[in-house]
Protein backbone atom coordinates (compact mmCIF):
# COMPACT_ATOMS: atom_id res chain seq x y z
CA MET A 1 -14.04 17.52 -46.85
CA SER A 2 -14.96 20.84 -45.37
CA ASN A 3 -12.66 22.92 -43.26
CA SER A 4 -14.93 22.50 -40.31
CA SER A 5 -14.80 18.68 -40.57
CA THR A 6 -11.07 18.69 -40.87
CA PHE A 7 -10.86 20.95 -37.82
CA THR A 8 -13.09 18.58 -35.83
CA ILE A 9 -10.92 15.54 -36.70
CA TRP A 10 -7.72 17.37 -35.62
CA ARG A 11 -9.38 18.60 -32.48
CA ASN A 12 -10.40 15.09 -31.48
CA LYS A 13 -6.86 13.80 -32.18
CA LEU A 14 -5.45 16.54 -30.02
CA LYS A 15 -7.83 15.58 -27.26
CA GLN A 16 -6.60 11.96 -27.43
CA ILE A 17 -2.98 13.06 -27.32
CA LEU A 18 -3.69 15.36 -24.36
CA ILE A 19 -5.47 12.59 -22.45
CA ILE A 20 -2.63 10.12 -22.99
CA THR A 21 -0.14 12.76 -21.94
CA LEU A 22 -2.11 13.48 -18.75
CA ILE A 23 -2.35 9.79 -17.91
CA LEU A 24 1.37 9.45 -18.33
CA PHE A 25 2.01 12.60 -16.30
CA LEU A 26 -0.43 12.03 -13.55
CA SER A 27 0.38 8.36 -13.02
CA PRO A 28 2.93 7.80 -10.25
CA SER A 29 6.42 7.56 -11.78
CA TRP A 30 7.22 4.43 -9.80
CA LEU A 31 4.69 2.50 -11.95
CA PHE A 32 7.13 2.82 -14.89
CA SER A 33 10.58 3.34 -13.38
CA GLN A 34 10.65 0.68 -10.71
CA GLU A 35 12.67 -2.56 -11.07
CA ARG A 36 12.28 -5.65 -8.95
CA TYR A 37 15.19 -7.49 -7.33
CA GLY A 38 15.17 -10.66 -5.28
CA LEU A 39 17.50 -12.54 -2.92
CA ILE A 40 16.40 -16.03 -1.89
CA ILE A 41 18.26 -18.04 0.79
CA GLY A 42 17.60 -21.59 1.98
CA THR A 43 19.68 -24.26 3.65
CA ASN A 44 18.94 -27.82 5.01
CA TYR A 45 22.31 -27.80 6.93
CA LYS A 46 23.20 -31.27 5.53
CA GLY A 47 26.71 -32.22 6.56
CA ASN A 48 27.32 -29.09 8.71
CA THR A 49 30.13 -29.29 11.28
CA GLY A 50 28.38 -27.27 14.03
CA LYS A 51 25.91 -29.91 15.08
CA ILE A 52 23.00 -27.95 13.74
CA PRO A 53 19.88 -30.08 13.38
CA GLU A 54 19.34 -30.94 9.75
CA LEU A 55 16.13 -30.07 7.87
CA ASP A 56 14.81 -31.53 4.67
CA LEU A 57 12.77 -28.91 2.76
CA CYS A 58 14.27 -25.44 3.12
CA GLU A 59 16.31 -25.63 -0.07
CA ARG A 60 13.36 -27.09 -1.86
CA ASP A 61 11.29 -24.08 -0.58
CA ALA A 62 13.88 -21.63 -1.89
CA GLU A 63 13.89 -23.28 -5.31
CA TYR A 64 10.13 -23.37 -5.44
CA LEU A 65 9.76 -19.73 -4.63
CA LYS A 66 12.45 -18.77 -7.20
CA LYS A 67 10.34 -20.79 -9.78
CA GLN A 68 7.10 -19.03 -8.79
CA ILE A 69 8.68 -15.52 -8.98
CA ASP A 70 10.24 -16.33 -12.37
CA LYS A 71 6.83 -17.37 -13.48
CA VAL A 72 4.78 -14.37 -12.48
CA GLY A 73 7.01 -11.78 -10.79
CA LYS A 74 8.66 -9.82 -13.69
CA PHE A 75 11.81 -9.42 -11.58
CA LYS A 76 14.98 -7.98 -13.25
CA GLU A 77 17.26 -10.16 -11.11
CA ILE A 78 16.89 -12.87 -8.52
CA ARG A 79 20.01 -14.19 -6.62
CA VAL A 80 19.84 -17.55 -4.89
CA LEU A 81 21.98 -18.93 -2.02
CA LEU A 82 21.51 -22.66 -1.13
CA GLY A 83 23.00 -25.14 1.29
CA ARG A 84 26.65 -24.55 1.93
CA GLN A 85 26.51 -21.17 0.25
CA VAL A 86 24.51 -19.79 3.20
CA THR A 87 27.36 -18.23 5.14
CA LYS A 88 27.40 -14.95 6.93
CA GLU A 89 30.07 -13.61 4.59
CA ASN A 90 28.01 -14.56 1.44
CA VAL A 91 24.79 -13.14 2.87
CA GLN A 92 26.47 -9.86 3.76
CA LYS A 93 27.99 -9.66 0.25
CA GLU A 94 24.61 -10.13 -1.42
CA PHE A 95 22.92 -7.47 0.73
CA GLN A 96 25.71 -5.04 -0.09
CA ALA A 97 25.30 -5.78 -3.81
CA LEU A 98 21.63 -4.99 -3.56
CA ALA A 99 22.34 -1.78 -1.64
CA ASN A 100 24.65 -0.68 -4.47
CA LYS A 101 22.13 -1.11 -7.28
CA VAL A 102 18.70 -0.65 -5.89
CA LYS A 103 17.04 2.76 -6.28
CA LYS A 104 14.45 4.29 -3.99
CA ASP A 105 11.49 3.35 -6.27
CA ASP A 106 12.64 -0.27 -6.79
CA THR A 107 11.07 -3.37 -5.11
CA VAL A 108 13.33 -5.68 -3.12
CA PHE A 109 12.13 -9.18 -2.19
CA LEU A 110 14.26 -11.04 0.45
CA TYR A 111 13.53 -14.57 1.62
CA PHE A 112 15.17 -16.87 4.23
CA SER A 113 14.21 -20.52 4.92
CA GLY A 114 16.10 -22.32 7.65
CA HIS A 115 16.60 -22.40 11.39
CA GLY A 116 16.17 -19.45 13.79
CA THR A 117 17.07 -19.41 17.41
CA THR A 118 17.95 -17.26 20.39
CA GLN A 119 20.96 -16.81 22.69
CA ARG A 120 21.54 -14.96 25.90
CA ASP A 121 22.88 -11.45 25.47
CA ALA A 122 22.70 -8.91 28.28
CA LYS A 123 22.72 -6.00 25.75
CA ALA A 124 19.73 -7.30 23.82
CA PRO A 125 16.03 -6.58 24.45
CA ASN A 126 14.76 -9.03 27.16
CA GLY A 127 18.29 -10.37 27.41
CA LEU A 128 17.82 -12.56 24.38
CA ARG A 129 19.38 -12.10 20.93
CA ASN A 130 17.62 -13.45 17.82
CA LEU A 131 19.69 -15.24 15.31
CA LEU A 132 19.37 -16.53 11.74
CA ILE A 133 21.31 -19.79 11.57
CA CYS A 134 23.75 -20.03 8.70
CA TYR A 135 25.12 -23.35 7.31
CA ASP A 136 28.03 -23.07 9.74
CA ARG A 137 29.20 -20.55 12.33
CA PRO A 138 29.26 -17.53 12.58
CA HIS A 139 25.56 -16.79 12.39
CA ILE A 140 23.68 -13.57 11.79
CA SER A 141 22.19 -11.66 14.69
CA ASP A 142 19.09 -9.47 14.47
CA ASP A 143 21.07 -6.29 14.96
CA GLU A 144 23.51 -7.28 12.27
CA LEU A 145 20.66 -8.09 9.92
CA ASN A 146 19.12 -4.72 10.69
CA ASN A 147 22.42 -3.04 9.67
CA TYR A 148 22.42 -4.96 6.34
CA LEU A 149 18.90 -3.86 5.61
CA GLU A 150 19.54 -0.18 6.53
CA LYS A 151 21.87 0.11 3.53
CA ILE A 152 19.01 -0.81 1.11
CA LYS A 153 17.39 2.58 0.60
CA SER A 154 14.17 1.48 -1.07
CA PRO A 155 11.13 1.69 1.27
CA LYS A 156 9.51 -1.06 -0.96
CA THR A 157 11.67 -3.75 0.67
CA LEU A 158 9.95 -6.95 1.84
CA PHE A 159 11.70 -9.58 4.00
CA VAL A 160 9.91 -12.97 4.24
CA LEU A 161 11.20 -15.32 6.95
CA ASP A 162 10.09 -18.98 7.02
CA CYS A 163 11.76 -19.95 10.27
CA CYS A 164 11.24 -19.42 13.98
CA TYR A 165 13.47 -17.38 16.23
CA SER A 166 13.26 -19.94 19.07
CA GLY A 167 13.12 -23.55 20.07
CA GLY A 168 11.60 -26.45 18.27
CA ILE A 169 11.58 -30.21 18.49
CA ALA A 170 11.14 -32.83 15.81
CA LYS A 171 7.68 -34.51 15.79
CA LYS A 172 6.37 -37.35 13.71
CA GLY A 173 5.27 -36.18 10.25
CA LEU A 174 6.70 -32.65 10.53
CA SER A 175 9.63 -30.65 11.69
CA THR A 176 9.88 -27.32 13.35
CA ARG A 177 12.29 -24.72 12.07
CA GLY A 178 13.97 -23.80 15.38
CA ALA A 179 17.38 -24.87 16.56
CA ALA A 180 17.30 -25.07 20.37
CA ALA A 181 15.39 -24.55 23.58
CA ILE A 182 15.08 -20.97 24.93
CA PRO A 183 18.29 -20.25 26.90
CA ILE A 184 17.47 -19.69 30.62
CA PRO A 185 20.22 -18.25 32.98
CA GLU A 186 21.78 -20.75 35.35
CA GLY A 187 20.06 -20.61 38.76
CA SER A 188 16.73 -19.50 37.29
CA ASP A 189 13.59 -21.55 36.89
CA GLY A 190 12.42 -19.49 33.84
CA ILE A 191 12.71 -16.34 31.84
CA VAL A 192 10.04 -13.64 30.98
CA LYS A 193 9.98 -12.00 27.55
CA GLN A 194 8.01 -8.78 27.56
CA ASN A 195 6.67 -7.37 24.25
CA ALA A 196 8.94 -9.70 22.31
CA GLU A 197 7.92 -8.41 18.82
CA ASP A 198 10.76 -7.47 16.59
CA TYR A 199 12.80 -4.49 17.75
CA TYR A 200 14.41 -4.01 14.38
CA PHE A 201 13.57 -3.42 10.69
CA GLN A 202 11.21 -0.61 11.63
CA ASN A 203 11.45 0.94 8.15
CA LYS A 204 11.03 -2.31 6.28
CA ALA A 205 8.08 -4.73 5.82
CA VAL A 206 8.73 -8.10 7.38
CA ILE A 207 6.49 -11.19 6.91
CA SER A 208 7.21 -13.98 9.40
CA SER A 209 5.87 -17.57 8.98
CA SER A 210 4.67 -17.69 12.60
CA ASP A 211 3.96 -15.52 15.56
CA ASP A 212 6.73 -14.59 18.12
CA ASN A 213 5.73 -17.42 20.51
CA GLU A 214 5.08 -20.03 17.79
CA THR A 215 7.17 -22.34 15.61
CA SER A 216 7.07 -22.93 11.86
CA ILE A 217 6.63 -26.32 10.43
CA GLU A 218 7.59 -28.22 7.26
CA VAL A 219 5.63 -31.29 6.10
CA GLY A 220 6.26 -34.05 3.54
CA GLY A 221 3.85 -35.97 1.42
CA SER A 222 1.82 -34.15 -1.21
CA ILE A 223 2.92 -30.75 0.20
CA ASN A 224 6.59 -31.39 0.70
CA HIS A 225 7.39 -27.80 1.76
CA GLY A 226 7.27 -25.51 4.76
CA VAL A 227 3.56 -24.88 5.05
CA PHE A 228 3.95 -21.06 4.88
CA THR A 229 6.21 -21.05 1.88
CA TYR A 230 3.95 -23.50 0.03
CA ASN A 231 0.90 -21.16 0.56
CA PHE A 232 2.85 -17.96 -0.08
CA GLY A 233 4.10 -19.29 -3.35
CA ARG A 234 0.66 -20.33 -4.52
CA ALA A 235 -0.59 -16.86 -3.42
CA LEU A 236 1.76 -15.13 -5.85
CA GLU A 237 -0.48 -16.56 -8.55
CA SER A 238 -3.93 -16.52 -7.03
CA ALA A 239 -4.10 -13.66 -4.49
CA ASP A 240 -5.31 -10.88 -6.79
CA LEU A 241 -8.21 -9.98 -4.51
CA ASN A 242 -9.29 -6.87 -6.31
CA GLY A 243 -8.97 -8.06 -9.83
CA ASP A 244 -6.37 -5.52 -11.01
CA LYS A 245 -4.07 -8.22 -12.49
CA VAL A 246 -1.49 -7.48 -9.73
CA VAL A 247 -0.57 -9.28 -6.51
CA THR A 248 0.70 -7.04 -3.77
CA ALA A 249 2.60 -8.08 -0.65
CA LEU A 250 -0.46 -7.44 1.50
CA GLU A 251 -2.70 -9.55 -0.81
CA ALA A 252 -0.21 -12.43 -0.82
CA PHE A 253 0.11 -12.19 3.00
CA PHE A 254 -3.56 -12.27 3.92
CA VAL A 255 -4.32 -15.17 1.55
CA SER A 256 -1.33 -17.24 2.63
CA LYS A 257 -1.92 -16.51 6.26
CA GLN A 258 -5.41 -17.92 6.14
CA GLU A 259 -4.28 -21.05 4.28
CA THR A 260 -1.23 -21.60 6.56
CA THR A 261 -3.27 -21.37 9.74
CA LYS A 262 -5.82 -23.85 8.43
CA MET A 263 -3.14 -26.30 7.13
CA ALA A 264 -1.10 -26.17 10.36
CA LYS A 265 -4.25 -27.08 12.42
CA ARG A 266 -4.54 -30.28 10.37
CA PHE A 267 -1.23 -31.30 11.91
CA ASN A 268 -2.32 -30.21 15.39
CA HIS A 269 -0.03 -27.18 15.28
CA ASP A 270 -0.65 -23.48 15.90
CA GLN A 271 1.05 -21.30 13.18
CA ASN A 272 -0.24 -17.78 12.45
CA PRO A 273 1.89 -15.72 10.05
CA GLN A 274 2.51 -12.09 11.00
CA ILE A 275 3.34 -8.86 9.15
CA SER A 276 5.00 -5.70 10.36
CA GLY A 277 6.12 -2.47 8.75
CA ASN A 278 4.52 -0.70 5.83
CA ALA A 279 3.95 -3.28 3.06
CA SER A 280 1.68 -1.08 0.92
CA GLY A 281 2.60 -0.71 -2.72
CA VAL A 282 5.01 -3.65 -2.82
CA PHE A 283 4.20 -5.42 -6.13
CA LEU A 284 5.20 -9.10 -6.28
CA SER A 285 3.56 -10.28 -9.54
CA GLY A 286 1.88 -8.64 -12.53
CA GLN A 287 2.35 -5.10 -13.68
CA PRO A 288 0.19 -2.24 -12.41
CA ALA A 289 -1.60 -0.25 -15.20
CA PRO A 290 -1.33 3.54 -15.20
CA VAL A 291 -4.43 5.03 -13.76
CA VAL A 292 -5.80 8.54 -13.40
CA PRO A 293 -6.98 9.11 -9.88
CA ALA A 294 -10.80 9.05 -9.81
CA THR A 295 -13.33 10.43 -7.31
CA PRO A 296 -14.26 7.50 -5.03
CA VAL A 297 -17.89 6.40 -4.87
CA LYS A 298 -19.02 6.92 -1.35
CA PRO A 299 -21.01 4.05 0.25
CA PRO A 300 -24.24 4.75 2.18
CA THR A 301 -23.44 6.65 5.41
CA ASN A 302 -26.26 4.96 7.41
CA ILE A 303 -25.45 4.75 11.03
CA ALA A 304 -25.03 1.10 11.95
CA GLN A 305 -28.20 -0.48 13.31
CA PRO A 306 -27.56 -3.06 16.01
CA LEU A 307 -29.15 -6.48 15.60
CA PRO A 308 -30.14 -8.72 18.48
CA PRO A 309 -27.34 -11.16 19.18
CA PRO A 310 -28.08 -14.49 20.76
CA VAL A 311 -25.97 -13.81 23.83
CA SER A 312 -26.97 -10.25 24.65
CA PRO A 313 -29.11 -7.30 23.65
CA PRO A 314 -27.51 -4.89 21.13
CA ALA A 315 -25.66 -1.68 21.83
CA PRO A 316 -26.37 1.54 19.94
CA ILE A 317 -23.90 3.08 17.54
CA ALA A 318 -23.33 6.77 17.64
CA THR A 319 -20.92 9.22 16.10
CA ILE A 320 -18.31 10.09 18.67
CA PRO A 321 -15.69 12.84 18.76
CA PRO A 322 -12.13 11.91 17.84
CA VAL A 323 -10.41 9.70 20.36
CA ALA A 324 -7.04 10.74 21.77
CA THR A 325 -3.94 8.66 21.94
CA PRO A 326 -4.11 6.90 18.54
CA VAL A 327 -2.60 3.43 18.39
CA THR A 328 -0.88 2.63 15.07
CA PRO A 329 -0.58 -1.10 14.45
CA PRO A 330 2.11 -2.61 12.22
CA THR A 331 0.25 -2.58 8.89
CA VAL A 332 -1.78 0.20 7.39
CA VAL A 333 -2.88 1.03 3.87
CA THR A 334 -1.15 4.00 2.38
CA PRO A 335 -1.89 5.98 -0.81
CA VAL A 336 0.71 3.82 -2.72
CA GLU A 337 -1.50 0.67 -2.49
CA PRO A 338 -3.08 0.50 -5.95
CA PRO A 339 -6.69 1.68 -6.15
CA ALA A 340 -9.22 -1.19 -6.34
CA PRO A 341 -11.34 -1.38 -9.53
CA PRO A 342 -15.03 -2.32 -9.10
CA VAL A 343 -15.30 -6.04 -8.25
CA LYS A 344 -18.18 -8.38 -7.91
CA ASN A 345 -16.74 -10.51 -5.20
CA LYS A 346 -17.68 -9.55 -1.69
CA GLY A 347 -16.78 -10.63 1.87
CA ASP A 348 -17.69 -9.65 5.42
CA ILE A 349 -15.37 -8.14 8.00
CA LEU A 350 -15.91 -9.42 11.56
CA ILE A 351 -14.20 -7.22 14.14
CA LYS A 352 -13.71 -8.89 17.46
CA THR A 353 -12.80 -6.27 20.09
CA THR A 354 -11.87 -6.26 23.78
CA ILE A 355 -13.98 -3.01 24.19
CA VAL A 356 -16.18 -3.47 27.20
CA ARG A 357 -19.85 -2.50 26.46
CA ALA A 358 -20.75 -1.31 29.98
CA LYS A 359 -18.94 1.88 30.99
CA GLU A 360 -19.22 1.24 34.68
CA LEU A 361 -17.42 -2.12 34.54
CA SER A 362 -14.51 -0.47 32.75
CA SER A 363 -14.33 3.28 33.12
CA ASN A 364 -11.79 5.91 33.84
CA LYS A 365 -14.38 8.61 34.28
CA GLY A 366 -13.82 9.82 37.79
CA GLN A 367 -12.93 6.35 38.95
CA ASN A 368 -9.86 4.39 39.85
CA PRO A 369 -9.27 0.69 40.58
CA TYR A 370 -9.68 1.15 44.31
CA ASP A 371 -13.09 2.75 43.89
CA LEU A 372 -14.24 0.15 41.33
CA LEU A 373 -13.24 -2.66 43.68
CA LYS A 374 -15.94 -1.45 46.02
CA ARG A 375 -18.68 -1.77 43.43
CA GLN A 376 -18.50 -5.25 41.82
CA GLY A 377 -22.18 -5.52 40.89
CA LEU A 378 -23.99 -4.97 37.54
CA PRO A 379 -23.82 -1.60 35.79
CA SER A 380 -26.31 1.08 36.57
CA ASN A 381 -27.05 4.40 34.90
CA SER A 382 -25.12 7.36 36.21
CA LYS A 383 -25.83 11.04 35.80
CA ASN A 384 -24.23 13.91 33.98
CA LYS A 385 -23.24 17.04 35.72
CA ASP A 386 -26.49 18.71 34.63
CA GLY A 387 -28.51 15.92 36.29
CA SER A 388 -29.57 14.19 33.03
CA LYS A 389 -29.29 10.45 32.86
CA GLU A 390 -26.20 9.19 31.11
CA SER A 391 -26.23 6.01 29.09
CA SER A 392 -24.33 3.11 30.73
CA LEU A 393 -23.46 1.76 27.30
CA ARG A 394 -20.31 2.71 25.50
CA ASN A 395 -20.53 4.23 21.95
CA ILE A 396 -18.44 2.60 19.21
CA LYS A 397 -17.81 3.55 15.61
CA VAL A 398 -16.24 1.65 12.72
CA THR A 399 -15.04 3.06 9.41
CA ILE A 400 -13.75 1.10 6.37
CA ASP A 401 -11.47 3.23 4.14
CA GLY A 402 -12.74 6.35 5.91
CA GLU A 403 -16.40 5.61 5.38
CA GLU A 404 -19.15 4.20 7.56
CA TYR A 405 -21.07 1.20 6.40
CA PRO A 406 -24.17 -0.49 7.74
CA SER A 407 -23.02 -2.82 10.53
CA GLN A 408 -24.31 -5.40 12.93
CA VAL A 409 -23.16 -4.70 16.50
CA MET A 410 -23.10 -7.56 18.95
CA ALA A 411 -22.42 -7.81 22.59
CA VAL A 412 -20.62 -11.05 23.46
CA LYS A 413 -19.99 -12.52 26.87
CA SER A 414 -16.34 -12.43 28.10
CA PRO A 415 -14.93 -14.12 31.20
CA ILE A 416 -11.97 -11.66 30.97
CA TRP A 417 -12.84 -8.18 29.78
CA GLY A 418 -15.28 -6.27 32.02
CA ALA A 419 -15.75 -9.41 34.12
CA SER A 420 -15.80 -9.20 37.90
CA THR A 421 -16.42 -11.36 40.94
CA LEU A 422 -19.62 -11.13 43.10
CA ASN A 423 -19.89 -13.21 46.26
CA GLY A 424 -17.02 -15.39 45.01
CA LYS A 425 -18.61 -16.05 41.65
CA LEU A 426 -17.47 -14.82 38.20
CA VAL A 427 -19.80 -12.24 36.57
CA PRO A 428 -18.91 -12.17 32.87
CA GLY A 429 -18.51 -8.88 31.12
CA GLU A 430 -19.60 -8.03 27.57
CA VAL A 431 -17.51 -6.89 24.71
CA TYR A 432 -18.34 -5.52 21.21
CA HIS A 433 -18.14 -7.57 18.07
CA ILE A 434 -19.07 -5.77 14.88
CA ARG A 435 -19.80 -7.34 11.46
CA VAL A 436 -19.58 -5.18 8.36
CA LYS A 437 -21.21 -6.96 5.36
CA ASN A 438 -20.59 -7.01 1.64
CA ILE A 439 -17.22 -5.34 1.41
CA ALA A 440 -15.45 -5.63 -1.93
CA THR A 441 -12.54 -8.08 -1.95
CA GLY A 442 -9.12 -6.50 -1.65
CA ILE A 443 -7.04 -4.59 0.95
CA HIS A 444 -8.94 -2.13 3.17
CA GLN A 445 -8.19 0.05 6.13
CA VAL A 446 -10.26 -0.40 9.30
CA LYS A 447 -10.53 2.12 12.03
CA VAL A 448 -12.32 1.52 15.36
CA GLU A 449 -13.17 4.32 17.77
CA ALA A 450 -14.94 3.93 21.10
CA ASP A 451 -15.60 6.13 24.21
CA GLU A 452 -12.49 6.11 26.47
CA TYR A 453 -10.48 3.81 24.28
CA PRO A 454 -7.44 4.52 22.09
CA GLN A 455 -8.20 4.68 18.33
CA PHE A 456 -7.21 1.52 16.53
CA GLU A 457 -6.30 1.23 12.84
CA THR A 458 -5.11 -1.70 10.78
CA ALA A 459 -5.20 -3.19 7.26
CA VAL A 460 -7.37 -6.19 6.45
CA GLY A 461 -7.45 -8.40 3.41
CA VAL A 462 -11.05 -9.12 2.46
CA LEU A 463 -11.40 -12.65 0.94
CA PRO A 464 -14.65 -13.57 -0.81
CA ASN A 465 -17.71 -15.22 0.80
CA GLN A 466 -16.49 -15.50 4.35
CA ASP A 467 -15.90 -13.57 7.62
CA ASN A 468 -12.54 -11.88 7.50
CA ILE A 469 -11.57 -11.48 11.16
CA VAL A 470 -9.92 -8.40 12.68
CA ASP A 471 -8.82 -8.75 16.28
CA VAL A 472 -8.81 -5.45 18.22
CA THR A 473 -7.03 -6.00 21.55
CA SER A 474 -6.76 -2.79 23.53
CA SER A 475 -7.22 -1.54 27.08
CA ILE A 476 -9.20 1.42 28.23
CA THR A 477 -7.43 4.72 28.11
CA GLY A 478 -5.68 5.32 31.40
CA TYR A 479 -5.35 1.59 32.29
CA GLY A 480 -3.38 -1.31 30.87
CA ALA A 481 -3.61 -5.05 30.57
CA ILE A 482 -1.28 -8.09 30.43
CA GLU A 483 -1.68 -10.87 27.82
CA GLY A 484 0.52 -13.84 28.55
CA ARG A 485 1.48 -17.39 27.74
CA VAL A 486 3.54 -19.96 29.59
CA PHE A 487 5.83 -22.53 27.88
CA TYR A 488 7.99 -25.41 28.98
CA LYS A 489 11.46 -25.11 27.45
CA THR A 490 10.36 -24.46 23.85
CA LEU A 491 7.75 -22.21 22.25
CA ASP A 492 5.64 -25.02 20.85
CA ASN A 493 5.07 -26.64 24.28
CA PRO A 494 2.47 -24.59 26.19
CA VAL A 495 1.78 -25.22 29.90
CA SER A 496 -1.81 -25.50 31.14
CA SER A 497 -3.02 -25.02 34.72
CA GLN A 498 0.07 -23.06 35.56
CA PRO A 499 -0.57 -20.66 38.46
CA ILE A 500 0.39 -17.01 37.69
CA TYR A 501 0.58 -14.71 40.65
CA MET A 502 0.98 -10.92 40.78
CA PRO A 503 1.20 -9.92 44.44
CA THR A 504 1.19 -6.10 44.06
CA ILE A 505 -1.33 -5.80 41.29
CA VAL A 506 -4.05 -3.14 41.37
CA SER A 507 -7.01 -3.73 39.01
CA THR A 508 -10.69 -3.18 38.73
CA ARG A 509 -11.24 -7.04 38.89
CA GLY A 510 -9.36 -7.44 42.10
CA VAL A 511 -7.71 -10.60 40.78
CA GLN A 512 -4.14 -11.39 41.77
CA LYS A 513 -3.85 -15.05 40.81
CA VAL A 514 -5.00 -16.86 37.67
CA SER A 515 -4.25 -20.13 36.00
CA THR A 516 -3.31 -20.72 32.34
CA ASP A 517 -5.90 -22.32 30.04
CA LYS A 518 -5.34 -25.31 27.81
CA ASP A 519 -3.27 -23.16 25.39
CA GLY A 520 -1.07 -21.75 28.24
CA LYS A 521 -2.70 -18.40 28.02
CA PHE A 522 -3.59 -15.96 30.83
CA TRP A 523 -4.90 -12.37 31.26
CA PHE A 524 -4.83 -9.54 33.75
CA THR A 525 -7.00 -6.63 32.73
CA ASN A 526 -7.82 -2.92 33.73
CA LEU A 527 -4.53 -2.51 35.49
CA LYS A 528 -3.35 0.75 36.95
CA PRO A 529 -0.18 1.79 35.00
CA GLY A 530 3.07 0.86 36.71
CA THR A 531 5.58 -1.86 37.27
CA TYR A 532 4.55 -5.19 38.65
CA GLU A 533 6.26 -8.37 39.64
CA ILE A 534 5.02 -11.55 37.96
CA ARG A 535 5.44 -15.00 39.43
CA ALA A 536 4.85 -18.47 37.85
CA SER A 537 3.78 -19.97 41.17
CA PHE A 538 1.77 -19.18 44.31
CA ALA A 539 3.00 -21.35 47.17
CA GLU A 540 6.13 -22.69 45.45
CA GLU A 541 9.27 -20.67 45.15
CA MET A 542 10.28 -20.27 41.49
CA LYS A 543 12.90 -17.76 40.39
CA LEU A 544 12.13 -15.90 37.06
CA GLU A 545 14.58 -13.85 35.14
CA ASN A 546 13.21 -10.39 33.96
CA SER A 547 10.14 -10.75 36.25
CA MET A 548 9.26 -7.07 36.48
CA ILE A 549 6.50 -6.13 34.01
CA VAL A 550 5.75 -2.55 32.79
CA VAL A 551 2.09 -1.74 32.24
CA LYS A 552 1.28 1.35 30.15
CA PRO A 553 -2.02 3.19 29.87
CA GLY A 554 -4.18 2.13 26.96
CA GLU A 555 -1.87 -0.68 25.99
CA VAL A 556 -1.76 -4.49 26.26
CA THR A 557 1.67 -5.78 27.42
CA LYS A 558 2.43 -9.12 25.89
CA VAL A 559 4.39 -11.58 28.09
CA ASP A 560 5.91 -14.97 27.41
CA ILE A 561 7.12 -17.04 30.32
CA ILE A 562 9.43 -19.88 29.43
CA LEU A 563 10.04 -22.39 32.27
CA ASN A 564 12.66 -25.19 32.62
CA VAL A 565 10.77 -26.81 35.55
CA LYS A 566 7.33 -28.32 35.73
CA LEU A 567 4.90 -28.41 38.64
CA LYS A 568 3.01 -31.69 39.29
CA SER A 569 -0.31 -29.85 38.95
CA THR A 570 0.40 -28.58 35.44
CA LYS A 571 0.15 -30.23 31.99
CA THR A 572 2.36 -29.72 28.85
CA LYS A 573 1.66 -30.49 25.22
CA TYR A 574 4.65 -32.85 25.02
């Protein structure tokens, strides 16, 4: 063998060694150094002395999830508390043990299946304190739980709750995981909860089995689990959306959310799991492979071409300058979410916004609600300062992972957003819906920008061969809105045809009184920022606790009204 051949062989070997060294060096250290720890808690309350309503399947849920994690999770340690073991003292000890051993790059998975409830507390937000119900008293309050979590230093901490923080009643074929009706102060006819989303756990990711104003159910038969835990456990095996042999918390959430919502509807129940905090980079099953960061392939940057929708002509898409006042939703994709390899499976993203298409039906440009009340007709073109004609249609722009894709833009009729009254009749407004087609399955970041609206960003899980819906609910910059629901005693018993009256309201619609729909929902839109009184009646006198509502510019204030009296003109689910 010649010297030149020998040199070539050694040079190639050195190249291989160098490449392997670079891969090991450039790959994030947490891919190799992180451990995974779990704490799983479940109790059915059988034989408790505190008269806590017994459940049937919470301990079964905990055991099932432990089995699934053992099967696919590659966890170093999983601790389990069941039944009578679920005491405040034991839970606190387990959290402290985790805090002592967990490093900042480790993953921590926490799970609770049981009852949740609320109690009155003047020091708590909205005057109500959330509680996780232990087997017997004392129970764990939300602020105490927050203190336990703060001691765990890893940002890759995920807390999954299959319970509801408020009332529930037993119904044939299923049970709700709540312990009592919402506590209403003596002498009041109801209580108002404003922006009742979790006030705690801001530096941890939290997955809840239902929304703040819903209850979580467990069912028997072939499922024989809480519906959320059943689907979440299955997702640990099946939710690898981008084909990288790993299931992340976001992948498991989006897959289990879809299946839970569909399954609950079969039992005539509304249950929509929620996620808050930063869940990116939390690996629940599989092992991420080391990768060298690659230059991403950019998709076509065609400006989206609107297609004629059946309900309204299309609106043009244009590149717009950055919008001020960004709104950051609970979940966003960060650089620690693993890069998606090329995949064949595709899905569509359907973005349903409350962004009003016509500027003049919802504009802060030189207008105020008093002026707009004088002009309740159809939009007309206005003029710029230089005399040129200004388009009456609002520009909107959508990016996926920072890139623009070809999109379909549709204008959809809305009886709420941009709507007005003309001669006593409702004139519907039009809002934008945008469909982005053929997006690779996996977790993506969606950004929506529009003239005079706050920037909106969120994560979306794209599942194959379907519309993956993103709801963008925002109010025009400078004005606010109120989204509300009314319930009778418990949060799974909505009230329809309930009159809602706001006597001092100032809005572009000129509406002071509305009635709830079949789901107990109501809206007030395009409100001048300020503090307003809300009433659950018009002619009748009903006293509500916490009845003053704060409206902020560019934001939608969420309001739940829980009543302990019913009007003859209203209907309830039960």
